[in-house]
Amino acid sequence: MENRVERFNETIGTQKEKKATEQRKLEDLSEELEVGVERQKKLVEEQARLNAEAAVIIVRISHPYTYIQLISQEQELRIQSREKAIQDISNTYNIHGLNVSLAERDRISEFLQRLDALQRKRRDDFENLRVF
């Protein structure tokens, strides 16, 4: 009877060791899988970026006029966006007389000066309130 209990305990010990070994293998494989998934994700992103660059190059080479038009349109959209931002800011802070295009640099400079003055005034007001 003692002999059977001893063999049983040895069998259980062996099985526990096997389980621990298999658990470590599983953890290692899980980590490798995680690293592989991250690497794949980065590679897919890189491939998408390179495909986009290739598409731009193809358009540039095969249709240079179209490419120049696209660049011009993008620039025009950025300018319009900035003009709208200036108008929104000037309306928000009651800075009048700035409904102009960005081509008029003097007006832009005037806008920035007014905006700086408003910012200084607000900062001073805040400091005065903080003192009280």
N, C-alpha and C. Protein backbone atom coordinates (compact mmCIF):
# COMPACT_ATOMS: atom_id res chain seq x y z
N MET A 1 0.82 -1.19 0.00
CA MET A 1 0.00 0.00 0.00
C MET A 1 0.87 1.26 0.00
N GLU A 2 1.91 1.28 0.83
CA GLU A 2 2.80 2.44 0.86
C GLU A 2 3.46 2.65 -0.49
N ASN A 3 3.78 1.58 -1.14
CA ASN A 3 4.42 1.61 -2.43
C ASN A 3 3.50 2.28 -3.47
N ARG A 4 2.23 1.96 -3.41
CA ARG A 4 1.27 2.56 -4.34
C ARG A 4 1.10 4.04 -4.08
N VAL A 5 1.05 4.46 -2.85
CA VAL A 5 0.91 5.87 -2.48
C VAL A 5 2.15 6.64 -2.96
N GLU A 6 3.32 6.01 -2.80
CA GLU A 6 4.56 6.64 -3.21
C GLU A 6 4.59 6.84 -4.73
N ARG A 7 4.18 5.80 -5.48
CA ARG A 7 4.14 5.91 -6.94
C ARG A 7 3.10 6.95 -7.38
N PHE A 8 1.98 6.97 -6.67
CA PHE A 8 0.94 7.96 -6.97
C PHE A 8 1.48 9.38 -6.79
N ASN A 9 2.16 9.62 -5.68
CA ASN A 9 2.75 10.94 -5.42
C ASN A 9 3.80 11.29 -6.47
N GLU A 10 4.60 10.30 -6.88
CA GLU A 10 5.60 10.55 -7.92
C GLU A 10 4.92 10.90 -9.24
N THR A 11 3.84 10.19 -9.55
CA THR A 11 3.10 10.46 -10.79
C THR A 11 2.51 11.87 -10.76
N ILE A 12 1.94 12.24 -9.64
CA ILE A 12 1.36 13.58 -9.50
C ILE A 12 2.46 14.63 -9.60
N GLY A 13 3.59 14.41 -8.98
CA GLY A 13 4.72 15.35 -9.08
C GLY A 13 5.19 15.50 -10.51
N THR A 14 5.29 14.40 -11.22
CA THR A 14 5.70 14.43 -12.62
C THR A 14 4.69 15.20 -13.46
N GLN A 15 3.42 14.95 -13.21
CA GLN A 15 2.38 15.64 -13.96
C GLN A 15 2.38 17.15 -13.66
N LYS A 16 2.65 17.53 -12.42
CA LYS A 16 2.73 18.94 -12.06
C LYS A 16 3.90 19.61 -12.77
N GLU A 17 5.03 18.91 -12.87
CA GLU A 17 6.19 19.44 -13.58
C GLU A 17 5.87 19.62 -15.06
N LYS A 18 5.20 18.62 -15.65
CA LYS A 18 4.81 18.72 -17.06
C LYS A 18 3.87 19.89 -17.28
N LYS A 19 2.91 20.04 -16.34
CA LYS A 19 1.95 21.14 -16.45
C LYS A 19 2.67 22.48 -16.37
N ALA A 20 3.62 22.62 -15.45
CA ALA A 20 4.37 23.86 -15.31
C ALA A 20 5.18 24.14 -16.58
N THR A 21 5.80 23.10 -17.12
CA THR A 21 6.58 23.24 -18.36
C THR A 21 5.68 23.69 -19.50
N GLU A 22 4.53 23.05 -19.64
CA GLU A 22 3.59 23.40 -20.70
C GLU A 22 3.05 24.82 -20.51
N GLN A 23 2.84 25.22 -19.25
CA GLN A 23 2.36 26.57 -18.95
C GLN A 23 3.39 27.60 -19.39
N ARG A 24 4.68 27.34 -19.10
CA ARG A 24 5.76 28.25 -19.52
C ARG A 24 5.82 28.34 -21.05
N LYS A 25 5.67 27.19 -21.71
CA LYS A 25 5.68 27.17 -23.18
C LYS A 25 4.52 28.02 -23.72
N LEU A 26 3.35 27.85 -23.10
CA LEU A 26 2.18 28.61 -23.52
C LEU A 26 2.41 30.10 -23.35
N GLU A 27 2.98 30.52 -22.22
CA GLU A 27 3.26 31.93 -21.98
C GLU A 27 4.26 32.46 -22.99
N ASP A 28 5.31 31.67 -23.28
CA ASP A 28 6.31 32.08 -24.27
C ASP A 28 5.67 32.25 -25.65
N LEU A 29 4.84 31.29 -26.03
CA LEU A 29 4.17 31.37 -27.33
C LEU A 29 3.20 32.56 -27.39
N SER A 30 2.54 32.83 -26.28
CA SER A 30 1.62 33.97 -26.24
C SER A 30 2.38 35.27 -26.43
N GLU A 31 3.53 35.38 -25.78
CA GLU A 31 4.36 36.58 -25.94
C GLU A 31 4.85 36.71 -27.37
N GLU A 32 5.30 35.58 -27.96
CA GLU A 32 5.74 35.61 -29.35
C GLU A 32 4.61 36.01 -30.28
N LEU A 33 3.41 35.50 -30.02
CA LEU A 33 2.26 35.85 -30.83
C LEU A 33 1.96 37.34 -30.74
N GLU A 34 2.01 37.87 -29.53
CA GLU A 34 1.76 39.29 -29.31
C GLU A 34 2.77 40.15 -30.08
N VAL A 35 4.04 39.76 -29.99
CA VAL A 35 5.10 40.48 -30.72
C VAL A 35 4.85 40.37 -32.22
N GLY A 36 4.47 39.20 -32.68
CA GLY A 36 4.20 39.00 -34.11
C GLY A 36 3.03 39.83 -34.60
N VAL A 37 1.98 39.92 -33.79
CA VAL A 37 0.81 40.72 -34.16
C VAL A 37 1.19 42.20 -34.26
N GLU A 38 1.97 42.69 -33.30
CA GLU A 38 2.42 44.09 -33.33
C GLU A 38 3.28 44.35 -34.56
N ARG A 39 4.17 43.42 -34.85
CA ARG A 39 5.05 43.57 -36.03
C ARG A 39 4.21 43.58 -37.30
N GLN A 40 3.23 42.70 -37.39
CA GLN A 40 2.37 42.66 -38.56
C GLN A 40 1.61 43.98 -38.71
N LYS A 41 1.12 44.49 -37.60
CA LYS A 41 0.38 45.74 -37.62
C LYS A 41 1.26 46.87 -38.15
N LYS A 42 2.50 46.94 -37.68
CA LYS A 42 3.42 47.97 -38.14
C LYS A 42 3.75 47.79 -39.62
N LEU A 43 3.91 46.55 -40.04
CA LEU A 43 4.21 46.29 -41.44
C LEU A 43 3.04 46.66 -42.35
N VAL A 44 1.83 46.39 -41.91
CA VAL A 44 0.65 46.76 -42.69
C VAL A 44 0.55 48.28 -42.80
N GLU A 45 0.81 48.99 -41.70
CA GLU A 45 0.79 50.45 -41.73
C GLU A 45 1.87 50.98 -42.68
N GLU A 46 3.05 50.39 -42.61
CA GLU A 46 4.15 50.80 -43.49
C GLU A 46 3.79 50.53 -44.95
N GLN A 47 3.17 49.38 -45.22
CA GLN A 47 2.76 49.06 -46.58
C GLN A 47 1.74 50.07 -47.09
N ALA A 48 0.79 50.45 -46.25
CA ALA A 48 -0.22 51.44 -46.65
C ALA A 48 0.44 52.78 -46.96
N ARG A 49 1.38 53.18 -46.12
CA ARG A 49 2.09 54.43 -46.35
C ARG A 49 2.86 54.38 -47.66
N LEU A 50 3.56 53.28 -47.89
CA LEU A 50 4.34 53.14 -49.13
C LEU A 50 3.44 53.08 -50.36
N ASN A 51 2.30 52.42 -50.24
CA ASN A 51 1.36 52.39 -51.35
C ASN A 51 0.84 53.79 -51.67
N ALA A 52 0.57 54.57 -50.64
CA ALA A 52 0.11 55.94 -50.85
C ALA A 52 1.20 56.76 -51.53
N GLU A 53 2.44 56.61 -51.06
CA GLU A 53 3.55 57.32 -51.69
C GLU A 53 3.70 56.90 -53.15
N ALA A 54 3.57 55.61 -53.41
CA ALA A 54 3.69 55.10 -54.78
C ALA A 54 2.58 55.69 -55.66
N ALA A 55 1.38 55.78 -55.12
CA ALA A 55 0.27 56.34 -55.89
C ALA A 55 0.54 57.80 -56.23
N VAL A 56 1.09 58.54 -55.28
CA VAL A 56 1.42 59.95 -55.53
C VAL A 56 2.50 60.04 -56.60
N ILE A 57 3.49 59.20 -56.51
CA ILE A 57 4.57 59.23 -57.51
C ILE A 57 4.03 58.88 -58.89
N ILE A 58 3.16 57.88 -58.96
CA ILE A 58 2.57 57.50 -60.24
C ILE A 58 1.78 58.66 -60.84
N VAL A 59 0.97 59.30 -60.01
CA VAL A 59 0.19 60.45 -60.50
C VAL A 59 1.13 61.56 -60.93
N ARG A 60 2.17 61.78 -60.15
CA ARG A 60 3.16 62.82 -60.47
C ARG A 60 3.79 62.58 -61.83
N ILE A 61 4.18 61.34 -62.08
CA ILE A 61 4.88 61.01 -63.31
C ILE A 61 3.92 60.94 -64.49
N SER A 62 2.81 60.24 -64.32
CA SER A 62 1.92 60.01 -65.45
C SER A 62 1.02 61.21 -65.75
N HIS A 63 0.71 61.99 -64.72
CA HIS A 63 -0.17 63.15 -64.91
C HIS A 63 0.39 64.35 -64.15
N PRO A 64 1.49 64.92 -64.60
CA PRO A 64 2.09 66.01 -63.83
C PRO A 64 1.16 67.21 -63.65
N TYR A 65 0.36 67.50 -64.67
CA TYR A 65 -0.55 68.63 -64.57
C TYR A 65 -1.60 68.36 -63.48
N THR A 66 -2.11 67.15 -63.42
CA THR A 66 -3.10 66.78 -62.40
C THR A 66 -2.49 66.89 -61.01
N TYR A 67 -1.24 66.45 -60.87
CA TYR A 67 -0.56 66.53 -59.58
C TYR A 67 -0.42 67.98 -59.14
N ILE A 68 -0.02 68.84 -60.07
CA ILE A 68 0.12 70.27 -59.73
C ILE A 68 -1.22 70.84 -59.33
N GLN A 69 -2.29 70.43 -60.03
CA GLN A 69 -3.62 70.90 -59.67
C GLN A 69 -4.00 70.44 -58.25
N LEU A 70 -3.68 69.19 -57.92
CA LEU A 70 -4.00 68.68 -56.59
C LEU A 70 -3.27 69.47 -55.51
N ILE A 71 -2.00 69.73 -55.75
CA ILE A 71 -1.21 70.51 -54.79
C ILE A 71 -1.79 71.91 -54.65
N SER A 72 -2.15 72.52 -55.76
CA SER A 72 -2.73 73.86 -55.73
C SER A 72 -4.05 73.86 -54.98
N GLN A 73 -4.87 72.84 -55.22
CA GLN A 73 -6.16 72.76 -54.53
C GLN A 73 -5.95 72.57 -53.03
N GLU A 74 -5.00 71.73 -52.65
CA GLU A 74 -4.72 71.53 -51.23
C GLU A 74 -4.25 72.83 -50.58
N GLN A 75 -3.38 73.56 -51.27
CA GLN A 75 -2.89 74.84 -50.75
C GLN A 75 -4.06 75.82 -50.60
N GLU A 76 -4.92 75.86 -51.60
CA GLU A 76 -6.07 76.75 -51.55
C GLU A 76 -6.99 76.39 -50.38
N LEU A 77 -7.20 75.10 -50.15
CA LEU A 77 -8.03 74.66 -49.02
C LEU A 77 -7.40 75.06 -47.69
N ARG A 78 -6.08 74.94 -47.59
CA ARG A 78 -5.40 75.35 -46.35
C ARG A 78 -5.56 76.86 -46.13
N ILE A 79 -5.42 77.64 -47.20
CA ILE A 79 -5.57 79.09 -47.08
C ILE A 79 -7.00 79.44 -46.66
N GLN A 80 -7.99 78.79 -47.29
CA GLN A 80 -9.38 79.05 -46.93
C GLN A 80 -9.66 78.68 -45.47
N SER A 81 -9.06 77.58 -45.04
CA SER A 81 -9.23 77.15 -43.65
C SER A 81 -8.66 78.19 -42.70
N ARG A 82 -7.49 78.71 -43.03
CA ARG A 82 -6.88 79.74 -42.18
C ARG A 82 -7.69 81.02 -42.18
N GLU A 83 -8.19 81.40 -43.36
CA GLU A 83 -9.02 82.61 -43.43
C GLU A 83 -10.27 82.44 -42.56
N LYS A 84 -10.88 81.26 -42.61
CA LYS A 84 -12.06 81.01 -41.79
C LYS A 84 -11.72 81.06 -40.31
N ALA A 85 -10.56 80.50 -39.95
CA ALA A 85 -10.14 80.54 -38.54
C ALA A 85 -9.95 81.98 -38.09
N ILE A 86 -9.33 82.80 -38.93
CA ILE A 86 -9.13 84.22 -38.58
C ILE A 86 -10.48 84.90 -38.42
N GLN A 87 -11.41 84.64 -39.33
CA GLN A 87 -12.74 85.26 -39.23
C GLN A 87 -13.46 84.81 -37.97
N ASP A 88 -13.38 83.52 -37.66
CA ASP A 88 -14.04 83.01 -36.45
C ASP A 88 -13.45 83.64 -35.20
N ILE A 89 -12.13 83.72 -35.14
CA ILE A 89 -11.48 84.32 -33.97
C ILE A 89 -11.84 85.79 -33.87
N SER A 90 -11.80 86.49 -35.00
CA SER A 90 -12.12 87.92 -34.96
C SER A 90 -13.57 88.15 -34.56
N ASN A 91 -14.48 87.27 -35.00
CA ASN A 91 -15.88 87.40 -34.59
C ASN A 91 -16.06 87.08 -33.11
N THR A 92 -15.35 86.06 -32.63
CA THR A 92 -15.46 85.65 -31.23
C THR A 92 -14.99 86.76 -30.30
N TYR A 93 -13.91 87.43 -30.66
CA TYR A 93 -13.32 88.44 -29.78
C TYR A 93 -13.58 89.87 -30.25
N ASN A 94 -14.56 90.03 -31.13
CA ASN A 94 -14.98 91.35 -31.62
C ASN A 94 -13.83 92.18 -32.18
N ILE A 95 -13.03 91.58 -33.01
CA ILE A 95 -11.97 92.29 -33.72
C ILE A 95 -12.51 92.52 -35.13
N HIS A 96 -12.92 93.76 -35.41
CA HIS A 96 -13.62 94.04 -36.67
C HIS A 96 -12.66 94.49 -37.76
N GLY A 97 -13.14 94.42 -39.00
CA GLY A 97 -12.39 94.92 -40.15
C GLY A 97 -11.38 93.94 -40.70
N LEU A 98 -11.55 92.65 -40.40
CA LEU A 98 -10.56 91.68 -40.87
C LEU A 98 -11.15 90.65 -41.81
N ASN A 99 -12.22 90.99 -42.49
CA ASN A 99 -12.80 90.08 -43.47
C ASN A 99 -12.06 90.23 -44.79
N VAL A 100 -10.83 89.75 -44.80
CA VAL A 100 -9.96 89.90 -45.97
C VAL A 100 -9.32 88.57 -46.30
N SER A 101 -8.69 88.51 -47.45
CA SER A 101 -7.97 87.29 -47.79
C SER A 101 -6.58 87.35 -47.19
N LEU A 102 -5.96 86.18 -47.09
CA LEU A 102 -4.62 86.12 -46.51
C LEU A 102 -3.58 86.79 -47.39
N ALA A 103 -3.94 87.10 -48.61
CA ALA A 103 -3.00 87.75 -49.51
C ALA A 103 -2.68 89.16 -49.01
N GLU A 104 -3.55 89.75 -48.24
CA GLU A 104 -3.32 91.10 -47.72
C GLU A 104 -2.56 91.00 -46.40
N ARG A 105 -1.25 90.96 -46.49
CA ARG A 105 -0.40 90.72 -45.32
C ARG A 105 -0.51 91.81 -44.26
N ASP A 106 -0.74 93.04 -44.67
CA ASP A 106 -0.87 94.11 -43.69
C ASP A 106 -2.03 93.85 -42.75
N ARG A 107 -3.12 93.34 -43.29
CA ARG A 107 -4.29 93.07 -42.46
C ARG A 107 -4.01 91.90 -41.52
N ILE A 108 -3.25 90.94 -41.98
CA ILE A 108 -2.89 89.80 -41.14
C ILE A 108 -2.06 90.28 -39.97
N SER A 109 -1.10 91.11 -40.28
CA SER A 109 -0.24 91.66 -39.23
C SER A 109 -1.07 92.44 -38.22
N GLU A 110 -2.01 93.23 -38.72
CA GLU A 110 -2.90 93.99 -37.84
C GLU A 110 -3.72 93.04 -36.96
N PHE A 111 -4.23 91.98 -37.57
CA PHE A 111 -5.00 90.98 -36.82
C PHE A 111 -4.17 90.38 -35.70
N LEU A 112 -2.95 89.98 -36.02
CA LEU A 112 -2.08 89.38 -35.01
C LEU A 112 -1.76 90.36 -33.89
N GLN A 113 -1.55 91.61 -34.24
CA GLN A 113 -1.29 92.63 -33.21
C GLN A 113 -2.50 92.80 -32.29
N ARG A 114 -3.68 92.86 -32.89
CA ARG A 114 -4.89 92.99 -32.08
C ARG A 114 -5.09 91.76 -31.20
N LEU A 115 -4.83 90.61 -31.75
CA LEU A 115 -4.97 89.37 -31.00
C LEU A 115 -3.98 89.33 -29.83
N ASP A 116 -2.74 89.74 -30.08
CA ASP A 116 -1.75 89.81 -29.00
C ASP A 116 -2.16 90.80 -27.92
N ALA A 117 -2.68 91.96 -28.35
CA ALA A 117 -3.12 92.96 -27.39
C ALA A 117 -4.27 92.41 -26.54
N LEU A 118 -5.20 91.73 -27.19
CA LEU A 118 -6.32 91.13 -26.47
C LEU A 118 -5.81 90.07 -25.48
N GLN A 119 -4.85 89.29 -25.91
CA GLN A 119 -4.29 88.25 -25.04
C GLN A 119 -3.60 88.88 -23.83
N ARG A 120 -2.82 89.93 -24.05
CA ARG A 120 -2.16 90.62 -22.93
C ARG A 120 -3.19 91.20 -21.97
N LYS A 121 -4.24 91.81 -22.53
CA LYS A 121 -5.29 92.40 -21.68
C LYS A 121 -5.97 91.32 -20.83
N ARG A 122 -6.29 90.21 -21.45
CA ARG A 122 -6.94 89.12 -20.72
C ARG A 122 -6.02 88.55 -19.64
N ARG A 123 -4.74 88.42 -19.97
CA ARG A 123 -3.77 87.91 -18.99
C ARG A 123 -3.65 88.88 -17.81
N ASP A 124 -3.60 90.18 -18.12
CA ASP A 124 -3.53 91.19 -17.06
C ASP A 124 -4.78 91.16 -16.19
N ASP A 125 -5.96 91.04 -16.84
CA ASP A 125 -7.21 90.95 -16.09
C ASP A 125 -7.21 89.75 -15.17
N PHE A 126 -6.73 88.63 -15.68
CA PHE A 126 -6.66 87.41 -14.89
C PHE A 126 -5.71 87.59 -13.70
N GLU A 127 -4.57 88.19 -13.94
CA GLU A 127 -3.61 88.43 -12.86
C GLU A 127 -4.22 89.35 -11.81
N ASN A 128 -4.94 90.38 -12.24
CA ASN A 128 -5.58 91.29 -11.28
C ASN A 128 -6.62 90.57 -10.45
N LEU A 129 -7.37 89.68 -11.07
CA LEU A 129 -8.38 88.90 -10.33
C LEU A 129 -7.72 87.94 -9.35
N ARG A 130 -6.59 87.40 -9.75
CA ARG A 130 -5.89 86.45 -8.89
C ARG A 130 -5.32 87.15 -7.65
N VAL A 131 -4.95 88.40 -7.79
CA VAL A 131 -4.39 89.16 -6.66
C VAL A 131 -5.44 89.34 -5.58
N PHE A 132 -6.68 89.53 -6.00
CA PHE A 132 -7.75 89.73 -5.01
C PHE A 132 -8.06 88.43 -4.43
